[in-house]
Amino acid sequence: MKIFENKKVLKKIAIMLLMVLFFQFGLATPVQATDDDGVGGVLLSPIVSLIVALGDRSQYNLA
């Protein structure tokens, strides 16, 4: 713990951490998720298809 008592070393560590944080936020690439499978994704699409099919069937039975 004697290494942290030295003010010069502590300042150098703080400056290095600030530089790393700056580069992380400054040079970050934007990321965007794609929505290829509809609103609910892979798991919800069969359920939505079932509900739509039941709705279409009931529509034809009423007419």
PDB file of N, CA and C in Angstrom:
ATOM      1  N   MET A   1       0.808  -1.207   0.000  1.00  0.00           N
ATOM      2  CA  MET A   1       0.000   0.000   0.000  1.00  0.00           C
ATOM      3  C   MET A   1       0.843   1.259   0.000  1.00  0.00           C
ATOM      4  N   LYS A   2       2.173   1.101   0.141  1.00  0.00           N
ATOM      5  CA  LYS A   2       3.030   2.284   0.123  1.00  0.00           C
ATOM      6  C   LYS A   2       3.037   2.946  -1.253  1.00  0.00           C
ATOM      7  N   ILE A   3       2.755   2.178  -2.299  1.00  0.00           N
ATOM      8  CA  ILE A   3       2.779   2.748  -3.644  1.00  0.00           C
ATOM      9  C   ILE A   3       1.666   3.771  -3.827  1.00  0.00           C
ATOM     10  N   PHE A   4       0.547   3.597  -3.126  1.00  0.00           N
ATOM     11  CA  PHE A   4      -0.564   4.534  -3.263  1.00  0.00           C
ATOM     12  C   PHE A   4      -0.387   5.765  -2.389  1.00  0.00           C
ATOM     13  N   GLU A   5       0.569   5.747  -1.475  1.00  0.00           N
ATOM     14  CA  GLU A   5       0.830   6.929  -0.653  1.00  0.00           C
ATOM     15  C   GLU A   5       1.578   7.994  -1.439  1.00  0.00           C
ATOM     16  N   ASN A   6       2.262   7.583  -2.491  1.00  0.00           N
ATOM     17  CA  ASN A   6       2.984   8.537  -3.332  1.00  0.00           C
ATOM     18  C   ASN A   6       1.990   9.282  -4.210  1.00  0.00           C
ATOM     19  N   LYS A   7       1.988  10.603  -4.127  1.00  0.00           N
ATOM     20  CA  LYS A   7       1.009  11.411  -4.865  1.00  0.00           C
ATOM     21  C   LYS A   7       1.260  11.375  -6.375  1.00  0.00           C
ATOM     22  N   LYS A   8       2.498  11.247  -6.794  1.00  0.00           N
ATOM     23  CA  LYS A   8       2.807  11.223  -8.221  1.00  0.00           C
ATOM     24  C   LYS A   8       2.224   9.975  -8.886  1.00  0.00           C
ATOM     25  N   VAL A   9       2.352   8.846  -8.221  1.00  0.00           N
ATOM     26  CA  VAL A   9       1.837   7.601  -8.779  1.00  0.00           C
ATOM     27  C   VAL A   9       0.319   7.645  -8.839  1.00  0.00           C
ATOM     28  N   LEU A  10      -0.298   8.191  -7.804  1.00  0.00           N
ATOM     29  CA  LEU A  10      -1.757   8.286  -7.772  1.00  0.00           C
ATOM     30  C   LEU A  10      -2.270   9.202  -8.884  1.00  0.00           C
ATOM     31  N   LYS A  11      -1.555  10.293  -9.136  1.00  0.00           N
ATOM     32  CA  LYS A  11      -1.950  11.201 -10.217  1.00  0.00           C
ATOM     33  C   LYS A  11      -1.797  10.537 -11.578  1.00  0.00           C
ATOM     34  N   LYS A  12      -0.726   9.763 -11.762  1.00  0.00           N
ATOM     35  CA  LYS A  12      -0.527   9.079 -13.035  1.00  0.00           C
ATOM     36  C   LYS A  12      -1.609   8.038 -13.281  1.00  0.00           C
ATOM     37  N   ILE A  13      -1.989   7.320 -12.233  1.00  0.00           N
ATOM     38  CA  ILE A  13      -3.064   6.323 -12.369  1.00  0.00           C
ATOM     39  C   ILE A  13      -4.375   7.009 -12.702  1.00  0.00           C
ATOM     40  N   ALA A  14      -4.660   8.130 -12.058  1.00  0.00           N
ATOM     41  CA  ALA A  14      -5.896   8.862 -12.333  1.00  0.00           C
ATOM     42  C   ALA A  14      -5.916   9.381 -13.763  1.00  0.00           C
ATOM     43  N   ILE A  15      -4.786   9.893 -14.238  1.00  0.00           N
ATOM     44  CA  ILE A  15      -4.720  10.399 -15.611  1.00  0.00           C
ATOM     45  C   ILE A  15      -4.901   9.271 -16.614  1.00  0.00           C
ATOM     46  N   MET A  16      -4.304   8.117 -16.353  1.00  0.00           N
ATOM     47  CA  MET A  16      -4.476   6.980 -17.262  1.00  0.00           C
ATOM     48  C   MET A  16      -5.923   6.507 -17.296  1.00  0.00           C
ATOM     49  N   LEU A  17      -6.574   6.467 -16.137  1.00  0.00           N
ATOM     50  CA  LEU A  17      -7.989   6.074 -16.108  1.00  0.00           C
ATOM     51  C   LEU A  17      -8.853   7.072 -16.864  1.00  0.00           C
ATOM     52  N   LEU A  18      -8.583   8.346 -16.710  1.00  0.00           N
ATOM     53  CA  LEU A  18      -9.353   9.353 -17.446  1.00  0.00           C
ATOM     54  C   LEU A  18      -9.133   9.242 -18.948  1.00  0.00           C
ATOM     55  N   MET A  19      -7.917   8.936 -19.357  1.00  0.00           N
ATOM     56  CA  MET A  19      -7.654   8.764 -20.790  1.00  0.00           C
ATOM     57  C   MET A  19      -8.395   7.557 -21.345  1.00  0.00           C
ATOM     58  N   VAL A  20      -8.406   6.463 -20.597  1.00  0.00           N
ATOM     59  CA  VAL A  20      -9.125   5.272 -21.052  1.00  0.00           C
ATOM     60  C   VAL A  20     -10.613   5.557 -21.146  1.00  0.00           C
ATOM     61  N   LEU A  21     -11.166   6.240 -20.147  1.00  0.00           N
ATOM     62  CA  LEU A  21     -12.588   6.587 -20.194  1.00  0.00           C
ATOM     63  C   LEU A  21     -12.896   7.512 -21.373  1.00  0.00           C
ATOM     64  N   PHE A  22     -12.014   8.461 -21.632  1.00  0.00           N
ATOM     65  CA  PHE A  22     -12.235   9.364 -22.757  1.00  0.00           C
ATOM     66  C   PHE A  22     -12.265   8.607 -24.078  1.00  0.00           C
ATOM     67  N   PHE A  23     -11.324   7.697 -24.262  1.00  0.00           N
ATOM     68  CA  PHE A  23     -11.297   6.941 -25.513  1.00  0.00           C
ATOM     69  C   PHE A  23     -12.471   5.980 -25.619  1.00  0.00           C
ATOM     70  N   GLN A  24     -12.950   5.460 -24.516  1.00  0.00           N
ATOM     71  CA  GLN A  24     -14.113   4.577 -24.551  1.00  0.00           C
ATOM     72  C   GLN A  24     -15.354   5.334 -25.004  1.00  0.00           C
ATOM     73  N   PHE A  25     -15.552   6.540 -24.492  1.00  0.00           N
ATOM     74  CA  PHE A  25     -16.738   7.310 -24.859  1.00  0.00           C
ATOM     75  C   PHE A  25     -16.535   8.077 -26.154  1.00  0.00           C
ATOM     76  N   GLY A  26     -15.341   8.519 -26.420  1.00  0.00           N
ATOM     77  CA  GLY A  26     -15.087   9.344 -27.595  1.00  0.00           C
ATOM     78  C   GLY A  26     -15.009   8.567 -28.885  1.00  0.00           C
ATOM     79  N   LEU A  27     -14.484   7.366 -28.841  1.00  0.00           N
ATOM     80  CA  LEU A  27     -14.273   6.588 -30.057  1.00  0.00           C
ATOM     81  C   LEU A  27     -15.212   5.389 -30.158  1.00  0.00           C
ATOM     82  N   ALA A  28     -16.297   5.416 -29.435  1.00  0.00           N
ATOM     83  CA  ALA A  28     -17.239   4.303 -29.469  1.00  0.00           C
ATOM     84  C   ALA A  28     -17.992   4.290 -30.801  1.00  0.00           C
ATOM     85  N   THR A  29     -18.259   3.107 -31.309  1.00  0.00           N
ATOM     86  CA  THR A  29     -19.019   2.983 -32.552  1.00  0.00           C
ATOM     87  C   THR A  29     -20.492   2.793 -32.225  1.00  0.00           C
ATOM     88  N   PRO A  30     -21.374   3.457 -32.948  1.00  0.00           N
ATOM     89  CA  PRO A  30     -22.796   3.291 -32.682  1.00  0.00           C
ATOM     90  C   PRO A  30     -23.276   1.882 -33.059  1.00  0.00           C
ATOM     91  N   VAL A  31     -24.152   1.339 -32.255  1.00  0.00           N
ATOM     92  CA  VAL A  31     -24.672  -0.007 -32.462  1.00  0.00           C
ATOM     93  C   VAL A  31     -26.189   0.079 -32.544  1.00  0.00           C
ATOM     94  N   GLN A  32     -26.752  -0.638 -33.496  1.00  0.00           N
ATOM     95  CA  GLN A  32     -28.200  -0.646 -33.639  1.00  0.00           C
ATOM     96  C   GLN A  32     -28.660  -2.080 -33.852  1.00  0.00           C
ATOM     97  N   ALA A  33     -29.645  -2.480 -33.095  1.00  0.00           N
ATOM     98  CA  ALA A  33     -30.168  -3.829 -33.233  1.00  0.00           C
ATOM     99  C   ALA A  33     -31.098  -3.899 -34.441  1.00  0.00           C
ATOM    100  N   THR A  34     -31.054  -5.002 -35.162  1.00  0.00           N
ATOM    101  CA  THR A  34     -31.942  -5.178 -36.303  1.00  0.00           C
ATOM    102  C   THR A  34     -33.160  -5.980 -35.870  1.00  0.00           C
ATOM    103  N   ASP A  35     -34.254  -5.710 -36.505  1.00  0.00           N
ATOM    104  CA  ASP A  35     -35.510  -6.384 -36.171  1.00  0.00           C
ATOM    105  C   ASP A  35     -35.942  -7.198 -37.383  1.00  0.00           C
ATOM    106  N   ASP A  36     -35.349  -8.383 -37.544  1.00  0.00           N
ATOM    107  CA  ASP A  36     -35.632  -9.209 -38.713  1.00  0.00           C
ATOM    108  C   ASP A  36     -36.852 -10.101 -38.526  1.00  0.00           C
ATOM    109  N   ASP A  37     -37.206 -10.405 -37.280  1.00  0.00           N
ATOM    110  CA  ASP A  37     -38.243 -11.394 -37.026  1.00  0.00           C
ATOM    111  C   ASP A  37     -39.555 -10.786 -36.556  1.00  0.00           C
ATOM    112  N   GLY A  38     -39.797  -9.544 -36.803  1.00  0.00           N
ATOM    113  CA  GLY A  38     -41.051  -8.938 -36.416  1.00  0.00           C
ATOM    114  C   GLY A  38     -40.989  -8.337 -35.021  1.00  0.00           C
ATOM    115  N   VAL A  39     -42.165  -8.109 -34.458  1.00  0.00           N
ATOM    116  CA  VAL A  39     -42.249  -7.399 -33.189  1.00  0.00           C
ATOM    117  C   VAL A  39     -41.749  -8.252 -32.031  1.00  0.00           C
ATOM    118  N   GLY A  40     -42.179  -9.485 -31.934  1.00  0.00           N
ATOM    119  CA  GLY A  40     -41.853 -10.300 -30.775  1.00  0.00           C
ATOM    120  C   GLY A  40     -40.664 -11.204 -30.952  1.00  0.00           C
ATOM    121  N   GLY A  41     -40.108 -11.273 -32.121  1.00  0.00           N
ATOM    122  CA  GLY A  41     -38.964 -12.124 -32.354  1.00  0.00           C
ATOM    123  C   GLY A  41     -39.371 -13.520 -32.779  1.00  0.00           C
ATOM    124  N   VAL A  42     -38.451 -14.447 -32.619  1.00  0.00           N
ATOM    125  CA  VAL A  42     -38.653 -15.817 -33.085  1.00  0.00           C
ATOM    126  C   VAL A  42     -39.702 -16.538 -32.242  1.00  0.00           C
ATOM    127  N   LEU A  43     -39.728 -16.292 -30.953  1.00  0.00           N
ATOM    128  CA  LEU A  43     -40.633 -17.034 -30.082  1.00  0.00           C
ATOM    129  C   LEU A  43     -42.084 -16.573 -30.179  1.00  0.00           C
ATOM    130  N   LEU A  44     -42.297 -15.297 -30.442  1.00  0.00           N
ATOM    131  CA  LEU A  44     -43.663 -14.784 -30.463  1.00  0.00           C
ATOM    132  C   LEU A  44     -44.321 -14.895 -31.834  1.00  0.00           C
ATOM    133  N   SER A  45     -43.551 -15.045 -32.893  1.00  0.00           N
ATOM    134  CA  SER A  45     -44.136 -15.063 -34.234  1.00  0.00           C
ATOM    135  C   SER A  45     -45.098 -16.238 -34.460  1.00  0.00           C
ATOM    136  N   PRO A  46     -44.860 -17.480 -33.975  1.00  0.00           N
ATOM    137  CA  PRO A  46     -45.862 -18.528 -34.165  1.00  0.00           C
ATOM    138  C   PRO A  46     -47.154 -18.261 -33.393  1.00  0.00           C
ATOM    139  N   ILE A  47     -47.040 -17.646 -32.233  1.00  0.00           N
ATOM    140  CA  ILE A  47     -48.239 -17.334 -31.447  1.00  0.00           C
ATOM    141  C   ILE A  47     -49.067 -16.282 -32.159  1.00  0.00           C
ATOM    142  N   VAL A  48     -48.411 -15.274 -32.724  1.00  0.00           N
ATOM    143  CA  VAL A  48     -49.128 -14.241 -33.468  1.00  0.00           C
ATOM    144  C   VAL A  48     -49.770 -14.841 -34.708  1.00  0.00           C
ATOM    145  N   SER A  49     -49.069 -15.754 -35.372  1.00  0.00           N
ATOM    146  CA  SER A  49     -49.648 -16.408 -36.544  1.00  0.00           C
ATOM    147  C   SER A  49     -50.885 -17.222 -36.172  1.00  0.00           C
ATOM    148  N   LEU A  50     -50.866 -17.892 -35.024  1.00  0.00           N
ATOM    149  CA  LEU A  50     -52.031 -18.652 -34.561  1.00  0.00           C
ATOM    150  C   LEU A  50     -53.208 -17.731 -34.283  1.00  0.00           C
ATOM    151  N   ILE A  51     -52.966 -16.614 -33.620  1.00  0.00           N
ATOM    152  CA  ILE A  51     -54.049 -15.681 -33.310  1.00  0.00           C
ATOM    153  C   ILE A  51     -54.632 -15.097 -34.592  1.00  0.00           C
ATOM    154  N   VAL A  52     -53.778 -14.772 -35.549  1.00  0.00           N
ATOM    155  CA  VAL A  52     -54.262 -14.237 -36.825  1.00  0.00           C
ATOM    156  C   VAL A  52     -55.074 -15.288 -37.574  1.00  0.00           C
ATOM    157  N   ALA A  53     -54.614 -16.543 -37.555  1.00  0.00           N
ATOM    158  CA  ALA A  53     -55.345 -17.618 -38.236  1.00  0.00           C
ATOM    159  C   ALA A  53     -56.697 -17.848 -37.589  1.00  0.00           C
ATOM    160  N   LEU A  54     -56.756 -17.830 -36.266  1.00  0.00           N
ATOM    161  CA  LEU A  54     -58.048 -17.991 -35.582  1.00  0.00           C
ATOM    162  C   LEU A  54     -58.979 -16.827 -35.886  1.00  0.00           C
ATOM    163  N   GLY A  55     -58.425 -15.626 -35.969  1.00  0.00           N
ATOM    164  CA  GLY A  55     -59.247 -14.464 -36.320  1.00  0.00           C
ATOM    165  C   GLY A  55     -59.769 -14.554 -37.738  1.00  0.00           C
ATOM    166  N   ASP A  56     -58.960 -15.039 -38.666  1.00  0.00           N
ATOM    167  CA  ASP A  56     -59.420 -15.202 -40.047  1.00  0.00           C
ATOM    168  C   ASP A  56     -60.492 -16.282 -40.149  1.00  0.00           C
ATOM    169  N   ARG A  57     -60.334 -17.354 -39.409  1.00  0.00           N
ATOM    170  CA  ARG A  57     -61.308 -18.432 -39.438  1.00  0.00           C
ATOM    171  C   ARG A  57     -62.647 -17.989 -38.894  1.00  0.00           C
ATOM    172  N   SER A  58     -62.644 -17.235 -37.793  1.00  0.00           N
ATOM    173  CA  SER A  58     -63.897 -16.781 -37.206  1.00  0.00           C
ATOM    174  C   SER A  58     -64.578 -15.772 -38.121  1.00  0.00           C
ATOM    175  N   GLN A  59     -63.832 -15.025 -38.869  1.00  0.00           N
ATOM    176  CA  GLN A  59     -64.400 -14.062 -39.791  1.00  0.00           C
ATOM    177  C   GLN A  59     -65.157 -14.773 -40.909  1.00  0.00           C
ATOM    178  N   TYR A  60     -64.597 -15.888 -41.400  1.00  0.00           N
ATOM    179  CA  TYR A  60     -65.263 -16.620 -42.486  1.00  0.00           C
ATOM    180  C   TYR A  60     -66.460 -17.392 -41.981  1.00  0.00           C
ATOM    181  N   ASN A  61     -66.492 -17.803 -40.720  1.00  0.00           N
ATOM    182  CA  ASN A  61     -67.627 -18.529 -40.182  1.00  0.00           C
ATOM    183  C   ASN A  61     -68.829 -17.630 -39.937  1.00  0.00           C
ATOM    184  N   LEU A  62     -68.593 -16.356 -39.675  1.00  0.00           N
ATOM    185  CA  LEU A  62     -69.696 -15.431 -39.401  1.00  0.00           C
ATOM    186  C   LEU A  62     -70.395 -15.008 -40.690  1.00  0.00           C
ATOM    187  N   ALA A  63     -69.699 -15.009 -41.784  1.00  0.00           N
ATOM    188  CA  ALA A  63     -70.276 -14.486 -43.023  1.00  0.00           C
ATOM    189  C   ALA A  63     -71.175 -15.443 -43.712  1.00  0.00           C
TER     190      ALA A  63
END
